[in-house]
Amino acid sequence: MMTDTIDSGGPQISGPIRPIKKRYRKLLVVVDGSPESKVAIRFAAARAAHITGGGLILFHCIRPGEFQHWMAVADRMREEAYEEARVLLDEVAERLHSYCGITPEVRIVEGEPKEQLLKFIDETPDIFGLVLGAGPAGNPGPLVDYFAHELAGSLKCPVMLVPGNMTYEQVDEMA
């Protein structure tokens, strides 16, 4: 409801337009070990720490093995890939908790990264934004190309591109 006030010279809103619900909003960031991924992770963590109800999901995709006709070899390769991904994500999660106090969720999936990331976004209702690290000029990366160009107008969340050449100090100042 609007009321007139003498001191401001015009109408003033006395409260929120509608009740504010407690929301759980999570940023989704791709973790692949690249330098641009590390900068994007820091940005996403800093932003998540400043969002009411904010959280962070670390997403890693393991590409399917190429030697599927050797089942034992493929199974062993898959196990090793999951173990490497788990170690990487656990290290990142520990550093982020020390950095900003957030304990991120961790998701490891297998398949083509573009397809699996899009599927995860579609199936996860509380994603507030997708954060991607952009590689150097001329080679931003396949996920950046895909999500910033082909799917830019059809995603259910914003895409935030973080230049991979930013320093942690620059990220901290901006976030």
Protein backbone atom coordinates (compact mmCIF):
# COMPACT_ATOMS: atom_id res chain seq x y z
CA MET A 1 0.00 0.00 0.00
CA MET A 2 1.31 3.45 -0.84
CA THR A 3 1.13 6.40 1.56
CA ASP A 4 1.98 10.04 1.10
CA THR A 5 4.69 11.48 3.28
CA ILE A 6 5.43 15.16 3.84
CA ASP A 7 9.19 14.82 4.27
CA SER A 8 9.90 12.98 0.99
CA GLY A 9 7.57 14.95 -1.18
CA GLY A 10 5.91 11.94 -2.77
CA PRO A 11 4.52 8.46 -2.40
CA GLN A 12 6.52 5.93 -0.47
CA ILE A 13 6.19 2.16 -0.19
CA SER A 14 5.83 1.14 3.41
CA GLY A 15 6.74 -2.55 3.02
CA PRO A 16 7.38 -5.30 0.52
CA ILE A 17 5.00 -5.60 -2.42
CA ARG A 18 4.40 -9.25 -1.56
CA PRO A 19 5.57 -11.51 1.26
CA ILE A 20 9.16 -12.58 0.83
CA LYS A 21 9.53 -16.35 0.87
CA LYS A 22 12.67 -18.01 2.09
CA ARG A 23 14.35 -19.33 -1.03
CA TYR A 24 17.22 -21.65 -1.56
CA ARG A 25 19.15 -20.40 -4.55
CA LYS A 26 22.21 -22.19 -5.77
CA LEU A 27 24.85 -21.26 -8.25
CA LEU A 28 26.06 -24.07 -10.46
CA VAL A 29 29.71 -24.02 -11.49
CA VAL A 30 31.60 -26.42 -13.74
CA VAL A 31 34.80 -27.86 -12.26
CA ASP A 32 37.27 -29.26 -14.77
CA GLY A 33 40.67 -28.30 -13.36
CA SER A 34 41.37 -25.64 -15.99
CA PRO A 35 42.71 -22.20 -14.96
CA GLU A 36 39.48 -20.50 -16.09
CA SER A 37 37.44 -23.01 -14.08
CA LYS A 38 39.37 -22.09 -10.93
CA VAL A 39 38.55 -18.40 -11.39
CA ALA A 40 34.88 -19.19 -12.06
CA ILE A 41 34.72 -21.36 -8.93
CA ARG A 42 36.07 -18.54 -6.77
CA PHE A 43 33.58 -16.08 -8.27
CA ALA A 44 30.66 -18.48 -7.77
CA ALA A 45 31.64 -19.18 -4.17
CA ALA A 46 31.98 -15.49 -3.33
CA ARG A 47 28.61 -14.71 -4.91
CA ALA A 48 26.90 -17.65 -3.20
CA ALA A 49 28.21 -16.42 0.15
CA HIS A 50 26.48 -13.06 -0.46
CA ILE A 51 23.10 -14.44 -1.55
CA THR A 52 20.41 -14.99 1.06
CA GLY A 53 19.80 -18.73 1.06
CA GLY A 54 22.68 -19.10 -1.34
CA GLY A 55 24.44 -22.33 -2.06
CA LEU A 56 26.88 -23.74 -4.54
CA ILE A 57 26.92 -26.87 -6.66
CA LEU A 58 30.23 -28.10 -8.03
CA PHE A 59 29.55 -29.99 -11.27
CA HIS A 60 31.98 -32.35 -12.95
CA CYS A 61 31.26 -34.45 -16.02
CA ILE A 62 33.19 -37.58 -16.93
CA ARG A 63 33.18 -38.33 -20.62
CA PRO A 64 32.24 -41.89 -21.51
CA GLY A 65 35.15 -44.27 -22.08
CA GLU A 66 36.26 -44.86 -25.64
CA PHE A 67 37.06 -48.57 -25.28
CA GLN A 68 33.60 -49.88 -24.50
CA HIS A 69 34.24 -53.24 -26.20
CA TRP A 70 36.78 -54.14 -23.49
CA MET A 71 34.36 -54.16 -20.60
CA ALA A 72 36.89 -54.80 -17.82
CA VAL A 73 39.16 -52.03 -19.08
CA ALA A 74 36.24 -49.62 -19.48
CA ASP A 75 35.00 -50.39 -15.96
CA ARG A 76 38.45 -49.77 -14.49
CA MET A 77 38.84 -46.53 -16.46
CA ARG A 78 35.41 -45.38 -15.21
CA GLU A 79 36.34 -46.16 -11.58
CA GLU A 80 39.61 -44.24 -11.91
CA ALA A 81 37.85 -41.28 -13.52
CA TYR A 82 35.30 -41.14 -10.69
CA GLU A 83 38.05 -41.37 -8.08
CA GLU A 84 40.04 -38.55 -9.72
CA ALA A 85 36.88 -36.43 -9.95
CA ARG A 86 36.02 -37.09 -6.31
CA VAL A 87 39.54 -36.09 -5.18
CA LEU A 88 39.42 -32.91 -7.30
CA LEU A 89 35.98 -31.88 -6.03
CA ASP A 90 36.77 -32.71 -2.41
CA GLU A 91 39.88 -30.51 -2.58
CA VAL A 92 37.91 -27.67 -4.18
CA ALA A 93 35.10 -28.01 -1.60
CA GLU A 94 37.59 -27.89 1.28
CA ARG A 95 39.29 -24.75 -0.10
CA LEU A 96 35.93 -23.05 -0.65
CA HIS A 97 34.78 -23.78 2.86
CA SER A 98 37.97 -22.19 4.20
CA TYR A 99 37.61 -19.24 1.81
CA CYS A 100 33.98 -18.26 2.35
CA GLY A 101 32.35 -20.73 4.75
CA ILE A 102 30.20 -22.43 2.13
CA THR A 103 30.02 -26.20 1.95
CA PRO A 104 29.15 -26.89 -1.67
CA GLU A 105 27.16 -29.79 -3.05
CA VAL A 106 29.09 -32.04 -5.39
CA ARG A 107 27.72 -33.66 -8.54
CA ILE A 108 29.67 -36.08 -10.70
CA VAL A 109 27.93 -37.35 -13.83
CA GLU A 110 28.99 -39.36 -16.83
CA GLY A 111 28.24 -38.43 -20.43
CA GLU A 112 28.73 -35.57 -22.85
CA PRO A 113 29.25 -32.39 -20.78
CA LYS A 114 26.84 -30.17 -22.73
CA GLU A 115 24.00 -32.66 -22.56
CA GLN A 116 24.56 -33.61 -18.92
CA LEU A 117 24.84 -30.00 -17.75
CA LEU A 118 21.65 -29.01 -19.58
CA LYS A 119 19.83 -32.06 -18.17
CA PHE A 120 21.02 -31.22 -14.63
CA ILE A 121 19.85 -27.61 -14.96
CA ASP A 122 16.45 -28.74 -16.20
CA GLU A 123 16.03 -31.26 -13.36
CA THR A 124 17.22 -29.02 -10.52
CA PRO A 125 14.62 -26.40 -9.55
CA ASP A 126 16.71 -24.24 -7.21
CA ILE A 127 19.52 -23.28 -9.58
CA PHE A 128 19.87 -19.52 -9.57
CA GLY A 129 22.60 -19.25 -12.22
CA LEU A 130 25.23 -21.11 -14.21
CA VAL A 131 28.80 -19.86 -13.79
CA LEU A 132 31.33 -20.71 -16.50
CA GLY A 133 34.96 -19.74 -16.82
CA ALA A 134 35.82 -18.37 -20.24
CA GLY A 135 39.16 -19.31 -21.73
CA PRO A 136 41.47 -16.95 -23.60
CA ALA A 137 40.29 -14.83 -26.53
CA GLY A 138 39.50 -16.92 -29.56
CA ASN A 139 39.00 -20.07 -27.48
CA PRO A 140 36.42 -19.47 -24.75
CA GLY A 141 35.65 -23.19 -24.49
CA PRO A 142 32.94 -25.50 -25.80
CA LEU A 143 30.59 -25.02 -22.85
CA VAL A 144 30.82 -21.23 -23.11
CA ASP A 145 30.09 -21.42 -26.84
CA TYR A 146 27.15 -23.75 -26.29
CA PHE A 147 25.48 -21.99 -23.35
CA ALA A 148 26.26 -18.40 -24.34
CA HIS A 149 25.30 -18.77 -27.99
CA GLU A 150 23.16 -21.75 -28.93
CA LEU A 151 21.11 -21.93 -25.72
CA ALA A 152 21.37 -18.37 -24.43
CA GLY A 153 17.70 -17.55 -24.95
CA SER A 154 16.21 -20.83 -23.79
CA LEU A 155 17.81 -21.58 -20.42
CA LYS A 156 15.81 -21.28 -17.20
CA CYS A 157 18.64 -19.46 -15.41
CA PRO A 158 21.19 -16.74 -16.20
CA VAL A 159 24.64 -17.68 -17.46
CA MET A 160 27.54 -15.80 -15.88
CA LEU A 161 30.81 -15.82 -17.80
CA VAL A 162 33.94 -15.15 -15.80
CA PRO A 163 37.05 -14.23 -17.78
CA GLY A 164 39.70 -16.82 -17.00
CA ASN A 165 42.47 -14.21 -16.95
CA MET A 166 41.09 -12.48 -13.85
CA THR A 167 43.13 -12.69 -10.68
CA TYR A 168 41.63 -13.89 -7.41
CA GLU A 169 42.02 -10.33 -6.10
CA GLN A 170 39.95 -8.98 -8.99
CA VAL A 171 37.30 -11.62 -8.43
CA ASP A 172 37.14 -10.84 -4.70
CA GLU A 173 36.71 -7.11 -5.41
CA MET A 174 33.92 -7.73 -7.91
CA ALA A 175 32.02 -10.48 -6.09
